[in-house]
Protein backbone atom coordinates (compact mmCIF):
# COMPACT_ATOMS: atom_id res chain seq x y z
CA UNK A 1 10.91 34.93 -27.54
CA UNK A 2 10.65 34.12 -23.84
CA UNK A 3 13.48 33.55 -21.46
CA UNK A 4 14.00 29.95 -20.30
CA UNK A 5 13.82 28.79 -16.69
CA UNK A 6 17.21 28.59 -14.98
CA UNK A 7 16.34 25.23 -13.37
CA UNK A 8 14.62 23.09 -16.03
CA UNK A 9 15.81 25.09 -19.04
CA UNK A 10 12.76 24.00 -21.06
CA UNK A 11 9.83 26.23 -20.09
CA UNK A 12 9.50 29.98 -20.16
CA UNK A 13 9.98 31.95 -16.97
CA UNK A 14 6.98 33.45 -15.15
CA UNK A 15 8.04 37.02 -15.82
CA UNK A 16 10.94 39.13 -16.97
CA UNK A 17 12.38 39.52 -13.49
CA UNK A 18 11.74 35.90 -12.43
CA UNK A 19 14.33 33.15 -12.78
CA UNK A 20 12.02 30.09 -12.77
CA UNK A 21 8.97 28.72 -14.55
CA UNK A 22 5.79 28.15 -12.54
CA UNK A 23 6.53 24.50 -11.62
CA UNK A 24 10.17 25.09 -10.71
CA UNK A 25 9.16 28.10 -8.60
CA UNK A 26 6.72 25.81 -6.74
CA UNK A 27 9.51 23.29 -6.14
CA UNK A 28 11.79 26.05 -4.88
CA UNK A 29 9.13 27.24 -2.42
CA UNK A 30 8.71 23.68 -1.12
CA UNK A 31 12.47 23.35 -0.66
CA UNK A 32 12.51 26.62 1.29
CA UNK A 33 9.55 25.58 3.49
CA UNK A 34 10.67 22.03 4.23
CA UNK A 35 14.01 20.39 4.74
CA UNK A 36 15.65 19.91 1.31
CA UNK A 37 17.00 16.48 2.35
CA UNK A 38 13.49 15.33 3.31
CA UNK A 39 12.10 16.58 -0.03
CA UNK A 40 14.84 14.74 -1.89
CA UNK A 41 14.19 11.53 0.06
CA UNK A 42 10.47 11.71 -0.72
CA UNK A 43 11.14 12.25 -4.42
CA UNK A 44 13.61 9.37 -4.54
CA UNK A 45 11.18 7.06 -2.75
CA UNK A 46 8.25 7.90 -5.00
CA UNK A 47 9.84 8.55 -8.39
CA UNK A 48 12.73 6.09 -8.59
CA UNK A 49 12.61 2.33 -8.23
CA UNK A 50 15.33 -0.20 -7.57
CA UNK A 51 15.59 -3.64 -9.24
CA UNK A 52 13.59 -5.42 -6.51
CA UNK A 53 10.70 -2.97 -6.84
CA UNK A 54 10.75 -3.25 -10.64
CA UNK A 55 10.65 -7.06 -10.46
CA UNK A 56 7.79 -6.94 -7.96
CA UNK A 57 5.80 -4.57 -10.19
CA UNK A 58 6.35 -6.81 -13.22
CA UNK A 59 5.20 -9.90 -11.29
CA UNK A 60 2.07 -8.07 -10.12
CA UNK A 61 1.21 -7.08 -13.69
CA UNK A 62 1.75 -10.65 -14.89
CA UNK A 63 -0.54 -11.94 -12.12
CA UNK A 64 -3.26 -9.52 -13.26
CA UNK A 65 -3.01 -10.81 -16.82
CA UNK A 66 -3.05 -14.47 -15.73
CA UNK A 67 -5.99 -13.94 -13.38
CA UNK A 68 -7.98 -12.14 -16.06
CA UNK A 69 -7.55 -15.17 -18.37
CA UNK A 70 -8.14 -17.73 -15.61
CA UNK A 71 -12.00 -17.77 -15.59
CA UNK A 72 -12.09 -18.88 -19.22
CA UNK A 73 -9.69 -21.72 -18.43
CA UNK A 74 -11.82 -22.81 -15.44
CA UNK A 75 -15.01 -22.73 -17.52
CA UNK A 76 -13.40 -24.97 -20.14
CA UNK A 77 -12.25 -27.44 -17.46
CA UNK A 78 -15.75 -27.52 -15.92
CA UNK A 79 -17.29 -28.29 -19.31
CA UNK A 80 -14.87 -31.17 -19.83
CA UNK A 81 -15.58 -32.56 -16.34
CA UNK A 82 -19.36 -32.41 -16.88
CA UNK A 83 -19.06 -34.23 -20.19
CA UNK A 84 -16.99 -37.01 -18.65
CA UNK A 85 -19.39 -37.40 -15.67
CA UNK A 86 -22.35 -38.16 -17.94
CA UNK A 87 -20.85 -41.33 -19.39
CA UNK A 88 -19.17 -42.49 -16.19
CA UNK A 89 -20.99 -45.05 -14.06
CA UNK A 90 -19.93 -45.29 -10.44
CA UNK A 91 -18.84 -48.76 -9.40
CA UNK A 92 -20.66 -50.52 -6.59
CA UNK A 93 -18.51 -50.60 -3.50
CA UNK A 94 -18.72 -52.70 -0.40
CA UNK A 95 -19.95 -49.78 1.70
CA UNK A 96 -22.79 -49.02 -0.65
CA UNK A 97 -23.89 -52.71 -0.64
CA UNK A 98 -23.98 -52.83 3.18
CA UNK A 99 -26.24 -49.79 3.44
CA UNK A 100 -28.78 -51.17 0.93
């Protein structure tokens, strides 16, 4: 039975005399090297999202889905337009009579 990390309390510690697991020890070293407030700000910016960011992400995913289905819709419309053009006869207009 291994001893659990004091920080995450889920993984085993690196060694008997260590207090942290490998990942938590890496985080601790980063906090000692850099400003802890800056590290926290970076983590908040990259790992957490507010409502506006969540809504934007959802709208982007919906756009991807709609755009992936769009070519099939355009192809169907083009087929319908081509079918209707075959049986349609253009009327003679005044301009076309003058140029003849």
